[in-house]
Amino acid sequence: MKNFGKTILTFAAAMIAAFSLTACQGGGSKSTVDVAGLADDLNAKTIKSDVLTETNPDMLPTIYFFEDGQVNESKTYMSSGATADEICVVKCVDENAAKAVTELFQTRVNNQSKLYESYNAEEVGKLADAIIKSSGSYAVLVVCDDYDEAGDLLKEAGF
């Protein structure tokens, strides 16, 4: 009977440890994000006033000033310039690179705001509401028409 009590106690301790570990997984960021899928969804569901075109990844260092080797994967949609709408989802080499990329995204938004003030001031409000986030090694920039939908999509993706 004494061994049975130790067995129950050991089993209970193991269950508590298992539940503790799984409870920690729910609140953190996802370990992977479908970069292309998220960018496609954001483009399809949050852009109403323009038709964005996919931007060649080779152009992104020139547009956002990414450092060489900072970004592993990306998908970007941009306006022709008629609107400020823009979507960029990137997977960086690590969490520090993702944080640095969010700073570059903020610089981009600041620069675009100054540019749009001079010829399409209505778009400056969109830029003021831009979503710039990172989660783990991922970073995102969204300038769109439907920020509520964008927020929902980003939350579902772990941002």
N, C-alpha and C. Protein backbone atom coordinates (compact mmCIF):
# COMPACT_ATOMS: atom_id res chain seq x y z
N MET A 1 0.82 -1.20 0.00
CA MET A 1 0.00 0.00 0.00
C MET A 1 0.86 1.25 0.00
N LYS A 2 2.00 1.17 0.67
CA LYS A 2 2.89 2.32 0.73
C LYS A 2 3.43 2.66 -0.67
N ASN A 3 3.76 1.64 -1.47
CA ASN A 3 4.23 1.87 -2.85
C ASN A 3 3.13 2.46 -3.71
N PHE A 4 1.88 2.05 -3.45
CA PHE A 4 0.76 2.59 -4.22
C PHE A 4 0.62 4.10 -3.97
N GLY A 5 0.80 4.52 -2.74
CA GLY A 5 0.74 5.94 -2.40
C GLY A 5 1.84 6.73 -3.07
N LYS A 6 3.06 6.17 -3.11
CA LYS A 6 4.16 6.83 -3.80
C LYS A 6 3.89 6.92 -5.30
N THR A 7 3.29 5.89 -5.86
CA THR A 7 2.98 5.88 -7.29
C THR A 7 1.96 6.97 -7.61
N ILE A 8 0.93 7.08 -6.78
CA ILE A 8 -0.09 8.12 -6.99
C ILE A 8 0.53 9.51 -6.86
N LEU A 9 1.36 9.69 -5.86
CA LEU A 9 2.01 10.97 -5.65
C LEU A 9 2.93 11.32 -6.83
N THR A 10 3.68 10.35 -7.31
CA THR A 10 4.57 10.57 -8.46
C THR A 10 3.75 10.92 -9.70
N PHE A 11 2.66 10.19 -9.91
CA PHE A 11 1.78 10.44 -11.06
C PHE A 11 1.18 11.85 -10.97
N ALA A 12 0.73 12.25 -9.80
CA ALA A 12 0.14 13.57 -9.61
C ALA A 12 1.18 14.66 -9.89
N ALA A 13 2.40 14.47 -9.41
CA ALA A 13 3.45 15.46 -9.65
C ALA A 13 3.76 15.56 -11.14
N ALA A 14 3.78 14.42 -11.82
CA ALA A 14 4.04 14.43 -13.27
C ALA A 14 2.93 15.15 -14.02
N MET A 15 1.69 14.94 -13.61
CA MET A 15 0.56 15.60 -14.27
C MET A 15 0.60 17.11 -14.05
N ILE A 16 0.92 17.52 -12.85
CA ILE A 16 1.03 18.96 -12.56
C ILE A 16 2.12 19.58 -13.42
N ALA A 17 3.25 18.91 -13.54
CA ALA A 17 4.35 19.43 -14.36
C ALA A 17 3.92 19.51 -15.83
N ALA A 18 3.23 18.49 -16.32
CA ALA A 18 2.78 18.49 -17.71
C ALA A 18 1.79 19.61 -17.98
N PHE A 19 0.84 19.81 -17.07
CA PHE A 19 -0.13 20.89 -17.24
C PHE A 19 0.54 22.26 -17.18
N SER A 20 1.54 22.39 -16.32
CA SER A 20 2.26 23.66 -16.22
C SER A 20 2.97 23.99 -17.53
N LEU A 21 3.58 22.99 -18.13
CA LEU A 21 4.29 23.22 -19.39
C LEU A 21 3.34 23.57 -20.52
N THR A 22 2.22 22.88 -20.61
CA THR A 22 1.28 23.17 -21.71
C THR A 22 0.58 24.49 -21.48
N ALA A 23 0.39 24.91 -20.27
CA ALA A 23 -0.26 26.19 -20.00
C ALA A 23 0.62 27.35 -20.48
N CYS A 24 1.91 27.19 -20.42
CA CYS A 24 2.81 28.25 -20.87
C CYS A 24 2.78 28.43 -22.37
N GLN A 25 2.41 27.41 -23.12
CA GLN A 25 2.43 27.50 -24.57
C GLN A 25 1.30 28.35 -25.12
N GLY A 26 0.21 28.48 -24.46
CA GLY A 26 -0.95 29.17 -25.00
C GLY A 26 -0.81 30.66 -25.15
N GLY A 27 -0.08 31.33 -24.26
CA GLY A 27 -0.06 32.78 -24.28
C GLY A 27 1.04 33.40 -25.11
N GLY A 28 2.02 32.63 -25.53
CA GLY A 28 3.14 33.20 -26.26
C GLY A 28 2.87 33.32 -27.74
N SER A 29 3.88 33.77 -28.47
CA SER A 29 3.72 33.91 -29.90
C SER A 29 3.88 32.56 -30.57
N LYS A 30 3.30 32.44 -31.74
CA LYS A 30 3.44 31.22 -32.51
C LYS A 30 4.88 31.07 -32.94
N SER A 31 5.32 29.84 -33.06
CA SER A 31 6.70 29.64 -33.47
C SER A 31 6.88 29.84 -34.97
N THR A 32 5.81 29.65 -35.75
CA THR A 32 5.91 29.88 -37.19
C THR A 32 4.72 30.68 -37.69
N VAL A 33 4.99 31.50 -38.68
CA VAL A 33 3.95 32.29 -39.33
C VAL A 33 4.06 32.01 -40.82
N ASP A 34 2.94 31.79 -41.47
CA ASP A 34 2.92 31.63 -42.91
C ASP A 34 3.04 33.02 -43.51
N VAL A 35 4.26 33.41 -43.85
CA VAL A 35 4.55 34.77 -44.30
C VAL A 35 3.72 35.12 -45.53
N ALA A 36 3.78 34.29 -46.55
CA ALA A 36 3.04 34.57 -47.78
C ALA A 36 1.54 34.54 -47.55
N GLY A 37 1.07 33.56 -46.79
CA GLY A 37 -0.37 33.46 -46.52
C GLY A 37 -0.91 34.65 -45.76
N LEU A 38 -0.16 35.12 -44.76
CA LEU A 38 -0.60 36.27 -43.99
C LEU A 38 -0.62 37.53 -44.86
N ALA A 39 0.43 37.73 -45.65
CA ALA A 39 0.46 38.90 -46.54
C ALA A 39 -0.69 38.85 -47.54
N ASP A 40 -0.96 37.66 -48.09
CA ASP A 40 -2.06 37.51 -49.04
C ASP A 40 -3.41 37.83 -48.38
N ASP A 41 -3.61 37.31 -47.17
CA ASP A 41 -4.87 37.57 -46.45
C ASP A 41 -5.04 39.05 -46.14
N LEU A 42 -3.97 39.68 -45.66
CA LEU A 42 -4.04 41.11 -45.35
C LEU A 42 -4.37 41.91 -46.60
N ASN A 43 -3.77 41.55 -47.72
CA ASN A 43 -4.03 42.25 -48.97
C ASN A 43 -5.48 42.06 -49.41
N ALA A 44 -5.95 40.83 -49.35
CA ALA A 44 -7.30 40.52 -49.84
C ALA A 44 -8.39 41.09 -48.94
N LYS A 45 -8.14 41.15 -47.63
CA LYS A 45 -9.22 41.46 -46.69
C LYS A 45 -9.17 42.86 -46.08
N THR A 46 -8.07 43.59 -46.26
CA THR A 46 -7.97 44.90 -45.59
C THR A 46 -7.79 46.06 -46.56
N ILE A 47 -7.55 45.79 -47.81
CA ILE A 47 -7.34 46.84 -48.81
C ILE A 47 -8.62 47.00 -49.61
N LYS A 48 -9.22 48.18 -49.55
CA LYS A 48 -10.50 48.43 -50.22
C LYS A 48 -10.39 49.51 -51.30
N SER A 49 -9.45 50.45 -51.15
CA SER A 49 -9.42 51.63 -52.02
C SER A 49 -8.36 51.57 -53.10
N ASP A 50 -7.66 50.45 -53.22
CA ASP A 50 -6.56 50.37 -54.18
C ASP A 50 -6.33 48.91 -54.53
N VAL A 51 -5.57 48.68 -55.57
CA VAL A 51 -5.13 47.33 -55.92
C VAL A 51 -3.61 47.35 -55.77
N LEU A 52 -3.13 46.58 -54.80
CA LEU A 52 -1.70 46.55 -54.54
C LEU A 52 -1.03 45.50 -55.42
N THR A 53 0.23 45.72 -55.71
CA THR A 53 0.99 44.74 -56.47
C THR A 53 2.09 44.16 -55.60
N GLU A 54 2.40 42.89 -55.85
CA GLU A 54 3.47 42.25 -55.10
C GLU A 54 4.80 42.87 -55.50
N THR A 55 5.63 43.11 -54.50
CA THR A 55 6.92 43.73 -54.72
C THR A 55 8.00 42.66 -54.71
N ASN A 56 8.92 42.74 -55.64
CA ASN A 56 10.02 41.79 -55.72
C ASN A 56 10.85 41.88 -54.45
N PRO A 57 11.13 40.75 -53.79
CA PRO A 57 11.91 40.77 -52.55
C PRO A 57 13.29 41.42 -52.70
N ASP A 58 13.85 41.39 -53.91
CA ASP A 58 15.16 42.02 -54.12
C ASP A 58 15.10 43.54 -53.96
N MET A 59 13.91 44.11 -54.04
CA MET A 59 13.74 45.56 -53.91
C MET A 59 13.66 46.02 -52.45
N LEU A 60 13.36 45.10 -51.54
CA LEU A 60 13.09 45.48 -50.16
C LEU A 60 14.25 46.16 -49.43
N PRO A 61 15.50 45.74 -49.65
CA PRO A 61 16.59 46.49 -48.98
C PRO A 61 16.65 47.95 -49.40
N THR A 62 16.26 48.24 -50.63
CA THR A 62 16.24 49.62 -51.11
C THR A 62 15.07 50.40 -50.52
N ILE A 63 13.93 49.73 -50.35
CA ILE A 63 12.72 50.39 -49.85
C ILE A 63 12.77 50.58 -48.34
N TYR A 64 13.17 49.51 -47.63
CA TYR A 64 13.12 49.53 -46.16
C TYR A 64 14.50 49.66 -45.50
N PHE A 65 15.56 49.55 -46.29
CA PHE A 65 16.92 49.59 -45.78
C PHE A 65 17.27 48.42 -44.88
N PHE A 66 16.71 47.24 -45.20
CA PHE A 66 17.09 46.02 -44.48
C PHE A 66 18.59 45.80 -44.67
N GLU A 67 19.23 45.33 -43.62
CA GLU A 67 20.64 44.99 -43.73
C GLU A 67 20.78 43.62 -44.38
N ASP A 68 21.90 43.40 -45.03
CA ASP A 68 22.17 42.13 -45.69
C ASP A 68 22.10 40.99 -44.68
N GLY A 69 21.31 39.97 -44.99
CA GLY A 69 21.19 38.81 -44.12
C GLY A 69 20.21 38.98 -42.97
N GLN A 70 19.55 40.10 -42.87
CA GLN A 70 18.63 40.37 -41.77
C GLN A 70 17.29 39.66 -41.95
N VAL A 71 16.85 39.49 -43.20
CA VAL A 71 15.54 38.92 -43.50
C VAL A 71 15.72 37.62 -44.29
N ASN A 72 15.05 36.56 -43.83
CA ASN A 72 15.11 35.26 -44.49
C ASN A 72 14.01 35.06 -45.51
N GLU A 73 12.84 35.63 -45.23
CA GLU A 73 11.67 35.39 -46.07
C GLU A 73 10.77 36.61 -45.98
N SER A 74 10.11 36.94 -47.08
CA SER A 74 9.23 38.10 -47.05
C SER A 74 8.18 38.02 -48.15
N LYS A 75 7.11 38.78 -47.93
CA LYS A 75 6.13 39.03 -48.98
C LYS A 75 5.60 40.43 -48.74
N THR A 76 5.62 41.22 -49.81
CA THR A 76 5.26 42.63 -49.71
C THR A 76 4.31 43.01 -50.83
N TYR A 77 3.33 43.82 -50.48
CA TYR A 77 2.41 44.41 -51.46
C TYR A 77 2.50 45.92 -51.29
N MET A 78 2.53 46.63 -52.43
CA MET A 78 2.61 48.08 -52.39
C MET A 78 1.65 48.71 -53.38
N SER A 79 1.28 49.93 -53.06
CA SER A 79 0.45 50.75 -53.94
C SER A 79 1.32 51.33 -55.05
N SER A 80 0.67 51.75 -56.10
CA SER A 80 1.39 52.43 -57.18
C SER A 80 1.78 53.85 -56.77
N GLY A 81 1.28 54.30 -55.63
CA GLY A 81 1.56 55.64 -55.14
C GLY A 81 0.30 56.47 -54.98
N ALA A 82 -0.81 55.97 -55.52
CA ALA A 82 -2.07 56.69 -55.39
C ALA A 82 -2.56 56.70 -53.94
N THR A 83 -2.27 55.62 -53.23
CA THR A 83 -2.63 55.53 -51.81
C THR A 83 -1.38 55.14 -51.01
N ALA A 84 -1.47 55.24 -49.72
CA ALA A 84 -0.35 54.87 -48.85
C ALA A 84 -0.39 53.39 -48.48
N ASP A 85 -1.38 52.66 -48.98
CA ASP A 85 -1.54 51.25 -48.61
C ASP A 85 -0.27 50.45 -48.89
N GLU A 86 0.07 49.60 -47.91
CA GLU A 86 1.31 48.84 -48.00
C GLU A 86 1.25 47.70 -46.99
N ILE A 87 1.71 46.55 -47.40
CA ILE A 87 1.76 45.38 -46.51
C ILE A 87 3.12 44.73 -46.67
N CYS A 88 3.80 44.49 -45.56
CA CYS A 88 5.08 43.79 -45.59
C CYS A 88 5.14 42.84 -44.40
N VAL A 89 5.30 41.56 -44.71
CA VAL A 89 5.44 40.54 -43.68
C VAL A 89 6.80 39.88 -43.89
N VAL A 90 7.62 39.83 -42.85
CA VAL A 90 8.96 39.27 -42.98
C VAL A 90 9.29 38.30 -41.86
N LYS A 91 10.10 37.32 -42.23
CA LYS A 91 10.71 36.42 -41.24
C LYS A 91 12.18 36.80 -41.20
N CYS A 92 12.63 37.18 -40.02
CA CYS A 92 14.00 37.63 -39.84
C CYS A 92 14.87 36.49 -39.32
N VAL A 93 16.16 36.74 -39.25
CA VAL A 93 17.09 35.72 -38.78
C VAL A 93 16.89 35.42 -37.29
N ASP A 94 16.43 36.40 -36.53
CA ASP A 94 16.18 36.18 -35.11
C ASP A 94 15.30 37.31 -34.57
N GLU A 95 15.01 37.23 -33.29
CA GLU A 95 14.14 38.21 -32.64
C GLU A 95 14.73 39.62 -32.64
N ASN A 96 16.04 39.71 -32.45
CA ASN A 96 16.69 41.03 -32.47
C ASN A 96 16.58 41.68 -33.84
N ALA A 97 16.75 40.88 -34.89
CA ALA A 97 16.61 41.41 -36.25
C ALA A 97 15.18 41.87 -36.49
N ALA A 98 14.20 41.13 -35.97
CA ALA A 98 12.79 41.51 -36.14
C ALA A 98 12.51 42.85 -35.46
N LYS A 99 13.07 43.05 -34.29
CA LYS A 99 12.89 44.33 -33.60
C LYS A 99 13.54 45.46 -34.39
N ALA A 100 14.71 45.21 -34.96
CA ALA A 100 15.38 46.22 -35.78
C ALA A 100 14.55 46.54 -37.02
N VAL A 101 13.94 45.51 -37.61
CA VAL A 101 13.11 45.72 -38.79
C VAL A 101 11.89 46.58 -38.45
N THR A 102 11.31 46.39 -37.27
CA THR A 102 10.17 47.24 -36.90
C THR A 102 10.59 48.71 -36.82
N GLU A 103 11.81 48.97 -36.40
CA GLU A 103 12.31 50.35 -36.38
C GLU A 103 12.45 50.89 -37.81
N LEU A 104 12.90 50.03 -38.72
CA LEU A 104 12.99 50.43 -40.13
C LEU A 104 11.60 50.69 -40.71
N PHE A 105 10.63 49.87 -40.30
CA PHE A 105 9.25 50.09 -40.75
C PHE A 105 8.74 51.44 -40.25
N GLN A 106 9.07 51.79 -39.01
CA GLN A 106 8.63 53.08 -38.47
C GLN A 106 9.26 54.23 -39.24
N THR A 107 10.52 54.09 -39.59
CA THR A 107 11.18 55.11 -40.41
C THR A 107 10.48 55.23 -41.76
N ARG A 108 10.13 54.11 -42.36
CA ARG A 108 9.42 54.12 -43.64
C ARG A 108 8.09 54.88 -43.50
N VAL A 109 7.33 54.58 -42.45
CA VAL A 109 6.04 55.25 -42.24
C VAL A 109 6.24 56.75 -42.04
N ASN A 110 7.24 57.14 -41.28
CA ASN A 110 7.53 58.56 -41.07
C ASN A 110 7.86 59.25 -42.39
N ASN A 111 8.69 58.61 -43.18
CA ASN A 111 9.07 59.19 -44.47
C ASN A 111 7.88 59.28 -45.42
N GLN A 112 7.06 58.23 -45.44
CA GLN A 112 5.88 58.24 -46.30
C GLN A 112 4.89 59.32 -45.86
N SER A 113 4.77 59.53 -44.56
CA SER A 113 3.88 60.58 -44.06
C SER A 113 4.30 61.95 -44.57
N LYS A 114 5.59 62.23 -44.52
CA LYS A 114 6.09 63.51 -45.03
C LYS A 114 5.82 63.65 -46.53
N LEU A 115 6.02 62.56 -47.24
CA LEU A 115 5.79 62.58 -48.69
C LEU A 115 4.32 62.82 -49.02
N TYR A 116 3.43 62.08 -48.35
CA TYR A 116 2.00 62.19 -48.66
C TYR A 116 1.42 63.53 -48.20
N GLU A 117 2.01 64.16 -47.19
CA GLU A 117 1.54 65.50 -46.78
C GLU A 117 1.55 66.48 -47.94
N SER A 118 2.49 66.31 -48.83
CA SER A 118 2.68 67.27 -49.91
C SER A 118 1.74 67.05 -51.10
N TYR A 119 1.17 65.85 -51.26
CA TYR A 119 0.31 65.67 -52.43
C TYR A 119 -0.95 64.85 -52.21
N ASN A 120 -1.10 64.17 -51.10
CA ASN A 120 -2.32 63.41 -50.84
C ASN A 120 -2.52 63.33 -49.33
N ALA A 121 -2.84 64.45 -48.73
CA ALA A 121 -2.90 64.57 -47.27
C ALA A 121 -3.90 63.61 -46.63
N GLU A 122 -4.92 63.18 -47.35
CA GLU A 122 -5.89 62.24 -46.79
C GLU A 122 -5.23 60.92 -46.38
N GLU A 123 -4.17 60.56 -47.06
CA GLU A 123 -3.49 59.29 -46.77
C GLU A 123 -2.64 59.35 -45.50
N VAL A 124 -2.33 60.54 -45.03
CA VAL A 124 -1.50 60.68 -43.83
C VAL A 124 -2.19 60.05 -42.62
N GLY A 125 -3.51 60.13 -42.57
CA GLY A 125 -4.25 59.49 -41.47
C GLY A 125 -4.06 57.98 -41.44
N LYS A 126 -4.03 57.37 -42.62
CA LYS A 126 -3.77 55.93 -42.69
C LYS A 126 -2.39 55.60 -42.13
N LEU A 127 -1.43 56.42 -42.51
CA LEU A 127 -0.07 56.19 -42.05
C LEU A 127 0.06 56.37 -40.55
N ALA A 128 -0.71 57.31 -40.00
CA ALA A 128 -0.69 57.52 -38.55
C ALA A 128 -1.20 56.30 -37.80
N ASP A 129 -2.07 55.54 -38.46
CA ASP A 129 -2.64 54.34 -37.83
C ASP A 129 -1.91 53.06 -38.21
N ALA A 130 -0.80 53.17 -38.93
CA ALA A 130 -0.08 51.99 -39.40
C ALA A 130 0.17 51.00 -38.26
N ILE A 131 0.05 49.73 -38.60
CA ILE A 131 0.35 48.67 -37.63
C ILE A 131 1.78 48.19 -37.90
N ILE A 132 2.60 48.28 -36.88
CA ILE A 132 3.97 47.80 -36.94
C ILE A 132 4.17 46.92 -35.71
N LYS A 133 4.42 45.63 -35.97
CA LYS A 133 4.56 44.69 -34.85
C LYS A 133 5.64 43.67 -35.14
N SER A 134 6.14 43.08 -34.07
CA SER A 134 7.02 41.91 -34.21
C SER A 134 6.55 40.85 -33.23
N SER A 135 6.83 39.62 -33.60
CA SER A 135 6.52 38.47 -32.75
C SER A 135 7.59 37.42 -33.02
N GLY A 136 8.44 37.18 -32.03
CA GLY A 136 9.55 36.27 -32.26
C GLY A 136 10.43 36.82 -33.37
N SER A 137 10.69 36.01 -34.37
CA SER A 137 11.56 36.44 -35.48
C SER A 137 10.77 37.02 -36.65
N TYR A 138 9.50 37.33 -36.44
CA TYR A 138 8.65 37.88 -37.50
C TYR A 138 8.34 39.36 -37.24
N ALA A 139 8.19 40.11 -38.34
CA ALA A 139 7.80 41.51 -38.24
C ALA A 139 6.80 41.82 -39.34
N VAL A 140 5.94 42.80 -39.07
CA VAL A 140 4.90 43.15 -40.03
C VAL A 140 4.66 44.65 -40.04
N LEU A 141 4.38 45.15 -41.23
CA LEU A 141 3.94 46.54 -41.44
C LEU A 141 2.65 46.48 -42.24
N VAL A 142 1.61 47.14 -41.74
CA VAL A 142 0.34 47.18 -42.46
C VAL A 142 -0.18 48.62 -42.48
N VAL A 143 -0.38 49.14 -43.68
CA VAL A 143 -1.06 50.41 -43.91
C VAL A 143 -2.24 50.05 -44.80
N CYS A 144 -3.46 50.20 -44.28
CA CYS A 144 -4.61 49.66 -45.00
C CYS A 144 -5.88 50.48 -44.75
N ASP A 145 -6.98 49.98 -45.29
CA ASP A 145 -8.29 50.62 -45.11
C ASP A 145 -9.04 50.07 -43.90
N ASP A 146 -8.83 48.82 -43.56
CA ASP A 146 -9.60 48.16 -42.51
C ASP A 146 -8.67 47.65 -41.40
N TYR A 147 -8.38 48.56 -40.46
CA TYR A 147 -7.46 48.20 -39.39
C TYR A 147 -8.05 47.21 -38.40
N ASP A 148 -9.35 47.17 -38.24
CA ASP A 148 -9.97 46.18 -37.35
C ASP A 148 -9.72 44.77 -37.89
N GLU A 149 -9.96 44.59 -39.18
CA GLU A 149 -9.73 43.28 -39.81
C GLU A 149 -8.25 42.93 -39.76
N ALA A 150 -7.39 43.90 -40.02
CA ALA A 150 -5.95 43.65 -39.97
C ALA A 150 -5.54 43.19 -38.57
N GLY A 151 -6.06 43.85 -37.55
CA GLY A 151 -5.75 43.46 -36.18
C GLY A 151 -6.19 42.05 -35.88
N ASP A 152 -7.37 41.67 -36.36
CA ASP A 152 -7.87 40.30 -36.16
C ASP A 152 -6.96 39.28 -36.85
N LEU A 153 -6.60 39.56 -38.09
CA LEU A 153 -5.73 38.64 -38.84
C LEU A 153 -4.36 38.49 -38.17
N LEU A 154 -3.83 39.60 -37.69
CA LEU A 154 -2.53 39.55 -37.02
C LEU A 154 -2.61 38.80 -35.70
N LYS A 155 -3.69 39.00 -34.98
CA LYS A 155 -3.87 38.28 -33.72
C LYS A 155 -3.94 36.78 -33.96
N GLU A 156 -4.68 36.38 -35.00
CA GLU A 156 -4.78 34.96 -35.36
C GLU A 156 -3.41 34.39 -35.72
N ALA A 157 -2.56 35.22 -36.31
CA ALA A 157 -1.23 34.76 -36.73
C ALA A 157 -0.21 34.78 -35.60
N GLY A 158 -0.59 35.29 -34.44
CA GLY A 158 0.32 35.28 -33.29
C GLY A 158 1.00 36.60 -32.99
N PHE A 159 0.54 37.69 -33.62
CA PHE A 159 1.11 39.00 -33.35
C PHE A 159 0.33 39.70 -32.25
